[in-house]
């Protein structure tokens, strides 16, 4: 037995083999063994988790950090503090909402410069595949991005263009030669354009109703986009992933793609699993996102698909903005920025809803740690197992607490979950064996220095 720097011992440790009493042995930031709890050896530090559940650090592959260029919206320091407080030890930053976007190697390097030394968790980067950068994809791939994001409809920011069907086909053909992953915002512009009249003119009281916003982004746009993406994957042989699925009607083409053996996966987000469109109050623009939150019946269909495995994983789509851009004063859904910030809340939100439906923490870990890590090829993340990074979370699954936006770590205190009571709370988070976040009630203390590494494809950190 190798002497450990750290042993975390508990009665409920979530491992790939199930939840069991175990001692997690850590040396030089790596899990060396997972043993019977009595086999603690002679660690430099022994942490008794007791009845707290020991989880692997979550992997959130859908985060908009927005730095550089829109750092007043969010930034690497604030986003990664929120991640650590929510049990997320690895995140992957989306290529848009920053200026410049990550659509070139120069844009990627600008991200890395902005992030260096400011990250409290490990950070990887998506590249962007847009309407005019087909020639950049290979160099971005070799520079270490974890895959490429595209929109099939306007992105909401001028500097990140969307791709039409012919450009999508060309992008997927190129990515297939690289065995690189395409991740796609799956809404097509036609059904959205046809529905825009429902929004009316500024000042129309209907614009304060979430139902109006929902009607302006119809399910048909998602289903049509998923069908288009599946066909393009069939033609190219590329791997593709559907981002933030909200529409239950888009599940049918996903099921068909799986039955056909195509490499098409999908995710959904905490807001689609925990909110319902008919329950959003008038003017509550903190709940605006795109695609929109849909009905309670639609929400249940997403849960069923998650249990079935048609939806693979749950990630945040953390997309904050200044409060003024949410138009909280007017409650105008049409004018408000579409994005929900939930990095710090995702685990508690999903666990609160999952346990009510009979799911266990093993399921939550599969959806929020193991599968996201596998999606982007981070082989040392997402599980408590020998050879993996010692990214650990001490979680109280029965703690009840109320969301106070002013106490959250992300930059702007705006949340559709304000005042919501949740069950389950992160007490402490470890990154490669070092405690980076701890509540006062945790059995450990945190080192508040930013210790996160910048990740490249294949998990090797940047120099």
Protein backbone atom coordinates (compact mmCIF):
# COMPACT_ATOMS: atom_id res chain seq x y z
CA UNK A 1 0.00 0.00 0.00
CA UNK A 2 1.36 3.41 -0.98
CA UNK A 3 1.31 5.92 1.86
CA UNK A 4 -1.40 8.47 1.10
CA UNK A 5 -1.25 12.24 1.41
CA UNK A 6 -4.97 12.20 2.11
CA UNK A 7 -7.62 9.63 2.95
CA UNK A 8 -11.32 10.51 2.83
CA UNK A 9 -13.32 7.88 4.67
CA UNK A 10 -17.09 7.57 4.70
CA UNK A 11 -20.01 5.19 4.96
CA UNK A 12 -21.44 6.25 1.58
CA UNK A 13 -18.90 6.70 -1.18
CA UNK A 14 -20.30 6.76 -4.74
CA UNK A 15 -18.00 4.68 -6.95
CA UNK A 16 -18.50 3.18 -10.43
CA UNK A 17 -19.30 -0.09 -8.66
CA UNK A 18 -22.02 1.51 -6.54
CA UNK A 19 -22.37 3.33 -3.24
CA UNK A 20 -20.56 1.66 -0.35
CA UNK A 21 -18.47 2.30 2.76
CA UNK A 22 -14.97 3.08 1.57
CA UNK A 23 -11.73 4.92 2.14
CA UNK A 24 -10.48 6.98 -0.80
CA UNK A 25 -6.67 7.14 -0.81
CA UNK A 26 -5.04 10.11 -2.51
CA UNK A 27 -1.42 10.78 -3.38
CA UNK A 28 -0.13 13.70 -5.43
CA UNK A 29 -3.69 14.62 -6.34
CA UNK A 30 -4.60 11.20 -7.77
CA UNK A 31 -6.81 8.48 -6.31
CA UNK A 32 -4.48 5.52 -5.71
CA UNK A 33 -6.91 3.12 -4.03
CA UNK A 34 -10.49 2.80 -2.92
CA UNK A 35 -10.47 0.35 -0.02
CA UNK A 36 -12.43 -0.94 2.91
CA UNK A 37 -12.86 1.90 5.42
CA UNK A 38 -10.69 0.15 7.99
CA UNK A 39 -7.70 0.24 5.65
CA UNK A 40 -6.83 3.87 6.11
CA UNK A 41 -3.08 3.26 6.31
CA UNK A 42 -0.97 6.15 7.55
CA UNK A 43 -2.27 9.18 5.69
CA UNK A 44 -0.87 12.64 5.98
CA UNK A 45 -4.45 13.77 6.49
CA UNK A 46 -7.55 11.75 7.35
CA UNK A 47 -10.98 13.24 6.69
CA UNK A 48 -13.93 11.48 8.28
CA UNK A 49 -16.95 12.06 6.09
CA UNK A 50 -19.18 10.05 8.41
CA UNK A 51 -22.75 10.01 7.07
CA UNK A 52 -22.01 12.61 4.39
CA UNK A 53 -22.00 11.18 0.88
CA UNK A 54 -18.67 11.31 -0.94
CA UNK A 55 -19.29 12.06 -4.63
CA UNK A 56 -16.90 12.55 -7.54
CA UNK A 57 -16.58 16.17 -8.58
CA UNK A 58 -19.18 17.07 -11.18
CA UNK A 59 -18.22 17.84 -14.79
CA UNK A 60 -20.26 20.64 -16.38
CA UNK A 61 -19.68 20.72 -20.12
CA UNK A 62 -22.01 23.66 -20.85
CA UNK A 63 -20.90 26.92 -19.22
CA UNK A 64 -20.81 30.46 -20.61
CA UNK A 65 -18.02 32.27 -18.75
CA UNK A 66 -18.17 35.28 -21.13
CA UNK A 67 -14.57 36.41 -20.52
CA UNK A 68 -12.83 38.24 -22.19
CA UNK A 69 -14.98 40.96 -23.69
CA UNK A 70 -18.12 40.55 -21.58
CA UNK A 71 -16.51 40.06 -18.19
CA UNK A 72 -19.12 42.38 -16.69
CA UNK A 73 -21.56 39.51 -17.36
CA UNK A 74 -19.42 36.84 -15.66
CA UNK A 75 -15.74 35.86 -15.54
CA UNK A 76 -13.41 32.97 -14.81
CA UNK A 77 -12.91 33.93 -11.16
CA UNK A 78 -16.61 34.28 -10.28
CA UNK A 79 -17.85 31.39 -12.44
CA UNK A 80 -15.31 28.94 -11.06
CA UNK A 81 -15.99 29.99 -7.46
CA UNK A 82 -19.67 29.24 -8.11
CA UNK A 83 -18.71 25.91 -9.64
CA UNK A 84 -16.64 24.90 -6.61
CA UNK A 85 -19.46 25.85 -4.26
CA UNK A 86 -21.80 23.64 -6.29
CA UNK A 87 -19.53 20.59 -6.36
CA UNK A 88 -18.41 21.16 -9.97
CA UNK A 89 -14.67 20.55 -10.29
CA UNK A 90 -14.39 20.67 -14.09
CA UNK A 91 -16.21 22.91 -16.53
CA UNK A 92 -16.01 23.44 -20.28
CA UNK A 93 -16.42 27.01 -21.47
CA UNK A 94 -18.64 27.74 -24.45
CA UNK A 95 -17.07 29.59 -27.41
CA UNK A 96 -19.50 32.51 -27.60
CA UNK A 97 -20.53 35.52 -25.51
CA UNK A 98 -16.85 36.36 -25.16
CA UNK A 99 -15.11 38.84 -27.43
CA UNK A 100 -13.36 37.47 -29.38
CA UNK A 101 -15.27 34.20 -29.64
CA UNK A 102 -13.35 30.92 -29.73
CA UNK A 103 -13.63 30.53 -33.48
CA UNK A 104 -9.89 30.84 -34.14
CA UNK A 105 -6.67 29.92 -32.40
CA UNK A 106 -6.20 33.61 -31.58
CA UNK A 107 -9.60 33.61 -29.87
CA UNK A 108 -8.70 30.46 -27.94
CA UNK A 109 -5.42 31.99 -26.78
CA UNK A 110 -7.27 35.13 -25.63
CA UNK A 111 -9.47 32.86 -23.48
CA UNK A 112 -6.47 31.09 -22.01
CA UNK A 113 -4.75 34.35 -21.17
CA UNK A 114 -7.91 35.62 -19.45
CA UNK A 115 -8.34 32.38 -17.51
CA UNK A 116 -4.76 31.71 -16.44
CA UNK A 117 -4.34 31.96 -12.66
CA UNK A 118 -7.99 32.90 -12.04
CA UNK A 119 -9.72 29.50 -12.05
CA UNK A 120 -10.81 27.70 -8.89
CA UNK A 121 -11.68 24.53 -10.85
CA UNK A 122 -10.27 22.91 -13.97
CA UNK A 123 -11.43 24.49 -17.24
CA UNK A 124 -11.52 23.21 -20.80
CA UNK A 125 -12.71 25.01 -23.91
CA UNK A 126 -15.08 24.35 -26.78
CA UNK A 127 -14.23 25.73 -30.18
CA UNK A 128 -16.84 27.34 -32.39
CA UNK A 129 -17.89 26.15 -35.84
CA UNK A 130 -19.64 29.08 -37.49
CA UNK A 131 -20.62 30.21 -40.97
CA UNK A 132 -17.14 31.35 -42.05
CA UNK A 133 -14.40 29.43 -40.19
CA UNK A 134 -14.34 25.98 -41.77
CA UNK A 135 -10.62 26.41 -42.45
CA UNK A 136 -9.93 27.08 -38.75
CA UNK A 137 -11.42 23.85 -37.37
CA UNK A 138 -8.37 21.65 -37.86
CA UNK A 139 -5.97 24.13 -36.25
CA UNK A 140 -8.35 24.68 -33.33
CA UNK A 141 -8.61 20.91 -32.88
CA UNK A 142 -4.84 20.57 -32.76
CA UNK A 143 -4.68 23.51 -30.33
CA UNK A 144 -6.65 21.39 -27.85
CA UNK A 145 -10.33 22.37 -27.88
CA UNK A 146 -12.62 19.58 -26.70
CA UNK A 147 -15.04 19.83 -29.64
CA UNK A 148 -16.98 22.38 -31.68
CA UNK A 149 -20.23 24.20 -31.07
CA UNK A 150 -22.60 25.36 -33.78
CA UNK A 151 -25.98 27.07 -33.87
CA UNK A 152 -28.61 26.17 -36.44
CA UNK A 153 -30.41 29.48 -35.77
CA UNK A 154 -29.10 32.95 -34.81
CA UNK A 155 -27.03 32.77 -31.63
CA UNK A 156 -28.11 36.08 -30.11
CA UNK A 157 -24.68 37.72 -30.54
CA UNK A 158 -23.45 39.18 -33.82
CA UNK A 159 -19.91 37.84 -33.60
CA UNK A 160 -20.97 34.15 -33.58
CA UNK A 161 -22.79 33.21 -36.78
CA UNK A 162 -25.08 30.25 -37.30
CA UNK A 163 -24.72 27.50 -39.90
CA UNK A 164 -27.23 26.57 -42.58
CA UNK A 165 -27.78 22.91 -43.58
CA UNK A 166 -25.08 22.91 -46.27
CA UNK A 167 -22.51 24.47 -43.93
CA UNK A 168 -23.49 22.00 -41.19
CA UNK A 169 -22.82 19.16 -43.63
CA UNK A 170 -19.38 20.60 -44.43
CA UNK A 171 -18.57 21.10 -40.74
CA UNK A 172 -19.53 17.54 -39.85
CA UNK A 173 -17.55 16.15 -42.78
CA UNK A 174 -14.46 17.99 -41.54
CA UNK A 175 -15.00 16.96 -37.91
CA UNK A 176 -15.44 13.33 -38.95
CA UNK A 177 -11.90 13.36 -40.40
CA UNK A 178 -10.63 14.60 -37.02
CA UNK A 179 -12.88 12.33 -34.92
CA UNK A 180 -13.92 15.58 -33.22
CA UNK A 181 -17.25 16.08 -31.49
CA UNK A 182 -19.90 18.50 -32.78
CA UNK A 183 -22.19 20.02 -30.14
CA UNK A 184 -25.22 21.77 -31.53
CA UNK A 185 -27.80 24.30 -30.39
CA UNK A 186 -30.66 22.46 -32.06
CA UNK A 187 -33.32 24.93 -33.14
CA UNK A 188 -33.97 25.78 -36.79
CA UNK A 189 -34.89 29.33 -37.83
CA UNK A 190 -37.97 28.57 -39.94
CA UNK A 191 -40.45 27.62 -37.21
CA UNK A 192 -39.10 30.40 -34.98
CA UNK A 193 -39.57 33.03 -37.70
CA UNK A 194 -43.10 31.80 -38.35
CA UNK A 195 -43.97 32.17 -34.66
CA UNK A 196 -42.52 35.63 -34.03
CA UNK A 197 -45.79 37.48 -34.59
CA UNK A 198 -47.01 36.15 -31.25
CA UNK A 199 -44.57 38.49 -29.50
CA UNK A 200 -46.42 41.62 -30.61
CA UNK A 201 -44.93 45.07 -30.15
CA UNK A 202 -43.03 46.54 -27.17
CA UNK A 203 -45.47 47.46 -24.45
CA UNK A 204 -47.89 44.66 -25.30
CA UNK A 205 -48.93 43.08 -21.97
CA UNK A 206 -48.67 39.63 -23.58
CA UNK A 207 -44.88 40.04 -23.60
CA UNK A 208 -44.91 39.73 -19.80
CA UNK A 209 -46.30 36.19 -20.02
CA UNK A 210 -43.91 33.27 -20.22
CA UNK A 211 -46.45 31.47 -22.42
CA UNK A 212 -45.89 34.12 -25.08
CA UNK A 213 -42.13 33.57 -25.06
CA UNK A 214 -42.62 29.79 -25.10
CA UNK A 215 -44.94 30.04 -28.11
CA UNK A 216 -42.33 32.11 -29.97
CA UNK A 217 -39.81 29.21 -29.78
CA UNK A 218 -42.00 26.25 -30.79
CA UNK A 219 -41.12 22.62 -30.23
CA UNK A 220 -41.13 22.18 -34.00
CA UNK A 221 -37.88 24.17 -34.20
CA UNK A 222 -36.14 21.67 -31.91
CA UNK A 223 -37.55 18.56 -33.55
CA UNK A 224 -36.70 19.81 -37.04
CA UNK A 225 -33.16 20.63 -35.91
CA UNK A 226 -32.61 17.23 -34.33
CA UNK A 227 -33.88 15.53 -37.47
CA UNK A 228 -31.51 17.66 -39.56
CA UNK A 229 -28.57 16.85 -37.30
CA UNK A 230 -29.30 13.12 -37.30
CA UNK A 231 -29.43 13.10 -41.11
CA UNK A 232 -26.13 15.01 -41.30
CA UNK A 233 -24.48 12.55 -38.90
CA UNK A 234 -25.74 9.64 -40.96
CA UNK A 235 -24.24 11.17 -44.11
CA UNK A 236 -20.89 12.15 -42.58
CA UNK A 237 -20.22 9.54 -39.92
CA UNK A 238 -19.48 12.35 -37.45
CA UNK A 239 -20.20 12.30 -33.72
CA UNK A 240 -22.73 14.88 -32.54
CA UNK A 241 -24.36 15.99 -29.31
CA UNK A 242 -27.63 17.88 -28.89
CA UNK A 243 -27.33 20.74 -26.42
CA UNK A 244 -29.95 21.74 -23.82
CA UNK A 245 -32.85 19.67 -25.11
CA UNK A 246 -36.13 21.13 -23.90
CA UNK A 247 -38.81 19.70 -26.24
CA UNK A 248 -40.17 16.21 -25.60
CA UNK A 249 -41.25 15.96 -29.25
CA UNK A 250 -37.56 15.95 -30.25
CA UNK A 251 -37.01 12.69 -28.37
CA UNK A 252 -38.46 10.55 -31.20
CA UNK A 253 -35.67 11.26 -33.72
CA UNK A 254 -33.11 10.75 -30.95
CA UNK A 255 -34.56 7.33 -30.15
CA UNK A 256 -34.49 6.45 -33.85
CA UNK A 257 -30.86 7.57 -34.15
CA UNK A 258 -29.89 5.40 -31.19
CA UNK A 259 -31.72 2.41 -32.68
CA UNK A 260 -29.83 2.99 -35.93
CA UNK A 261 -26.51 3.03 -34.09
CA UNK A 262 -25.61 6.63 -34.91
CA UNK A 263 -23.24 8.47 -32.57
CA UNK A 264 -25.77 11.09 -31.46
CA UNK A 265 -26.17 11.98 -27.78
CA UNK A 266 -28.16 14.60 -25.90
CA UNK A 267 -28.28 16.62 -22.71
CA UNK A 268 -30.85 18.55 -20.76
CA UNK A 269 -30.51 21.11 -17.99
CA UNK A 270 -31.68 21.62 -14.40
CA UNK A 271 -34.17 24.33 -15.41
CA UNK A 272 -35.97 22.02 -17.83
CA UNK A 273 -36.15 19.33 -15.14
CA UNK A 274 -37.28 21.55 -12.26
CA UNK A 275 -39.35 24.41 -13.69
CA UNK A 276 -42.61 24.37 -15.67
CA UNK A 277 -43.71 27.04 -18.11
CA UNK A 278 -47.23 27.36 -16.73
CA UNK A 279 -45.79 27.99 -13.25
CA UNK A 280 -43.55 30.91 -14.26
CA UNK A 281 -45.17 34.12 -12.96
CA UNK A 282 -45.89 37.01 -15.30
CA UNK A 283 -42.85 39.24 -15.67
CA UNK A 284 -40.46 36.69 -14.12
CA UNK A 285 -37.79 37.13 -16.80
CA UNK A 286 -35.13 35.51 -14.63
CA UNK A 287 -36.63 32.28 -16.04
CA UNK A 288 -36.11 33.21 -19.69
CA UNK A 289 -33.88 30.87 -21.67
CA UNK A 290 -33.67 29.49 -25.19
CA UNK A 291 -35.01 26.95 -25.90
CA UNK A 292 -37.70 27.91 -23.39
CA UNK A 293 -38.95 26.10 -20.34
CA UNK A 294 -42.00 24.07 -21.34
CA UNK A 295 -44.95 22.40 -19.60
CA UNK A 296 -44.98 20.13 -16.56
CA UNK A 297 -46.03 17.24 -18.80
CA UNK A 298 -43.09 17.97 -21.10
CA UNK A 299 -40.81 18.09 -18.04
CA UNK A 300 -41.93 14.61 -16.99
CA UNK A 301 -41.21 13.31 -20.49
CA UNK A 302 -37.64 14.60 -20.13
CA UNK A 303 -37.27 12.78 -16.81
CA UNK A 304 -38.56 9.59 -18.43
CA UNK A 305 -36.06 9.98 -21.28
CA UNK A 306 -33.25 10.56 -18.81
CA UNK A 307 -34.15 7.37 -16.95
CA UNK A 308 -34.40 5.52 -20.27
CA UNK A 309 -30.99 6.78 -21.41
CA UNK A 310 -32.25 8.65 -24.47
CA UNK A 311 -31.02 11.81 -22.72
CA UNK A 312 -27.48 11.08 -21.55
CA UNK A 313 -26.54 13.83 -19.16
CA UNK A 314 -27.51 16.96 -17.23
CA UNK A 315 -25.43 20.14 -17.39
CA UNK A 316 -26.16 23.73 -16.43
CA UNK A 317 -26.08 25.90 -19.57
CA UNK A 318 -24.90 28.53 -17.08
CA UNK A 319 -25.55 31.77 -18.99
CA UNK A 320 -25.54 34.85 -16.75
CA UNK A 321 -25.90 38.49 -17.66
CA UNK A 322 -26.21 41.80 -15.84
CA UNK A 323 -29.60 42.28 -14.19
CA UNK A 324 -30.45 45.14 -16.55
CA UNK A 325 -30.32 42.79 -19.53
CA UNK A 326 -32.93 40.56 -17.91
CA UNK A 327 -35.42 43.48 -17.95
CA UNK A 328 -36.59 42.62 -14.46
CA UNK A 329 -38.21 46.06 -14.18
CA UNK A 330 -40.51 45.67 -17.18
CA UNK A 331 -40.82 41.88 -17.15
CA UNK A 332 -40.65 41.86 -20.96
CA UNK A 333 -39.73 38.31 -21.98
CA UNK A 334 -39.19 39.29 -25.60
CA UNK A 335 -36.60 41.93 -24.67
CA UNK A 336 -34.82 40.07 -21.87
CA UNK A 337 -31.54 38.19 -22.32
CA UNK A 338 -32.16 34.45 -22.42
CA UNK A 339 -30.00 32.65 -19.91
CA UNK A 340 -30.11 31.07 -16.46
CA UNK A 341 -27.16 30.96 -14.05
CA UNK A 342 -27.17 27.71 -12.07
CA UNK A 343 -23.59 26.43 -11.73
CA UNK A 344 -23.79 26.56 -7.94
CA UNK A 345 -27.30 25.12 -7.73
CA UNK A 346 -27.40 22.31 -10.28
CA UNK A 347 -26.56 19.39 -7.98
CA UNK A 348 -29.08 20.40 -5.32
CA UNK A 349 -31.76 21.18 -7.90
CA UNK A 350 -31.40 17.87 -9.70
CA UNK A 351 -31.11 15.84 -6.50
CA UNK A 352 -34.21 17.48 -5.00
CA UNK A 353 -36.26 16.50 -8.05
CA UNK A 354 -34.55 13.15 -8.69
CA UNK A 355 -35.07 11.75 -5.18
CA UNK A 356 -38.75 12.67 -5.37
CA UNK A 357 -38.94 10.43 -8.46
CA UNK A 358 -37.13 7.49 -6.86
CA UNK A 359 -33.67 8.07 -8.30
CA UNK A 360 -30.50 7.71 -6.23
CA UNK A 361 -27.26 9.62 -6.09
CA UNK A 362 -25.66 6.94 -8.26
CA UNK A 363 -27.99 8.13 -11.03
CA UNK A 364 -27.19 11.79 -10.43
CA UNK A 365 -23.45 11.06 -10.55
CA UNK A 366 -23.88 9.18 -13.83
CA UNK A 367 -25.80 12.10 -15.36
CA UNK A 368 -23.67 14.95 -13.97
CA UNK A 369 -20.14 13.55 -13.62
CA UNK A 370 -19.40 10.26 -15.37
CA UNK A 371 -21.18 10.84 -18.68
CA UNK A 372 -20.18 14.50 -19.17
CA UNK A 373 -16.53 13.52 -18.59
CA UNK A 374 -16.86 10.71 -21.13
CA UNK A 375 -18.54 13.03 -23.64
CA UNK A 376 -15.46 15.23 -23.89
CA UNK A 377 -12.84 12.56 -23.34
CA UNK A 378 -11.68 13.64 -19.88
CA UNK A 379 -10.66 10.16 -18.79
CA UNK A 380 -9.33 11.19 -15.38
CA UNK A 381 -12.54 12.97 -14.37
CA UNK A 382 -16.04 12.03 -13.31
CA UNK A 383 -15.46 8.99 -11.05
CA UNK A 384 -13.91 7.97 -7.75
CA UNK A 385 -11.55 5.29 -9.03
CA UNK A 386 -7.81 4.54 -9.03
CA UNK A 387 -5.95 6.69 -11.53
CA UNK A 388 -8.58 9.42 -11.55
CA UNK A 389 -8.04 12.92 -10.25
CA UNK A 390 -9.02 13.19 -6.60
CA UNK A 391 -11.92 15.54 -7.32
CA UNK A 392 -14.30 14.86 -4.43
CA UNK A 393 -17.45 16.37 -2.96
CA UNK A 394 -18.77 15.98 0.57
CA UNK A 395 -22.55 16.18 0.16
CA UNK A 396 -25.31 16.19 2.75
CA UNK A 397 -28.26 14.61 0.89
CA UNK A 398 -30.82 15.55 3.56
CA UNK A 399 -29.85 19.17 4.26
CA UNK A 400 -32.70 21.56 3.51
CA UNK A 401 -31.92 25.13 2.55
CA UNK A 402 -33.44 28.08 0.74
CA UNK A 403 -31.88 29.76 -2.28
CA UNK A 404 -30.75 33.33 -1.60
CA UNK A 405 -29.39 34.81 -4.86
CA UNK A 406 -27.28 37.35 -2.95
CA UNK A 407 -25.35 34.46 -1.38
CA UNK A 408 -24.45 32.84 -4.71
CA UNK A 409 -20.94 33.20 -6.12
CA UNK A 410 -21.77 34.06 -9.73
CA UNK A 411 -21.41 37.71 -10.62
CA UNK A 412 -25.04 38.89 -10.68
CA UNK A 413 -27.64 37.94 -8.02
CA UNK A 414 -30.39 36.96 -10.47
CA UNK A 415 -32.04 33.53 -10.21
CA UNK A 416 -35.43 32.00 -11.01
CA UNK A 417 -34.88 29.83 -7.94
CA UNK A 418 -34.91 32.69 -5.42
CA UNK A 419 -36.76 31.53 -2.31
CA UNK A 420 -36.98 27.89 -3.45
CA UNK A 421 -36.30 25.28 -0.78
CA UNK A 422 -33.88 22.58 -1.90
CA UNK A 423 -32.75 19.29 -0.42
CA UNK A 424 -29.09 18.32 -0.47
CA UNK A 425 -26.12 20.64 -0.08
CA UNK A 426 -22.43 20.65 -0.91
CA UNK A 427 -20.41 20.99 2.28
CA UNK A 428 -16.93 20.73 0.78
CA UNK A 429 -15.25 20.31 -2.61
CA UNK A 430 -11.78 18.92 -3.36
CA UNK A 431 -9.80 19.48 -6.55
CA UNK A 432 -7.00 16.93 -6.97
CA UNK A 433 -6.99 16.28 -3.23
CA UNK A 434 -7.01 19.93 -2.09
CA UNK A 435 -10.08 21.44 -0.47
CA UNK A 436 -11.16 24.43 -2.58
CA UNK A 437 -14.54 25.11 -0.96
CA UNK A 438 -16.00 24.40 2.46
CA UNK A 439 -18.98 25.59 4.45
CA UNK A 440 -18.33 26.38 8.12
CA UNK A 441 -20.12 23.15 9.06
CA UNK A 442 -17.80 20.98 6.92
CA UNK A 443 -15.23 18.69 8.58
CA UNK A 444 -12.43 20.45 6.66
CA UNK A 445 -11.28 23.97 5.83
CA UNK A 446 -10.77 25.35 2.33
CA UNK A 447 -7.75 26.87 0.66
CA UNK A 448 -9.24 29.82 -1.24
CA UNK A 449 -6.45 30.19 -3.80
CA UNK A 450 -7.36 29.54 -7.46
CA UNK A 451 -5.86 26.12 -8.20
CA UNK A 452 -7.64 25.20 -11.41
CA UNK A 453 -5.77 24.05 -14.50
CA UNK A 454 -6.55 24.79 -18.12
CA UNK A 455 -7.29 21.54 -19.94
CA UNK A 456 -6.58 20.54 -23.49
CA UNK A 457 -8.02 17.66 -25.46
CA UNK A 458 -6.75 14.44 -23.85
CA UNK A 459 -6.79 16.04 -20.36
CA UNK A 460 -3.18 17.28 -20.42
CA UNK A 461 -3.08 20.67 -18.65
CA UNK A 462 -1.61 23.67 -20.37
CA UNK A 463 1.98 24.43 -19.51
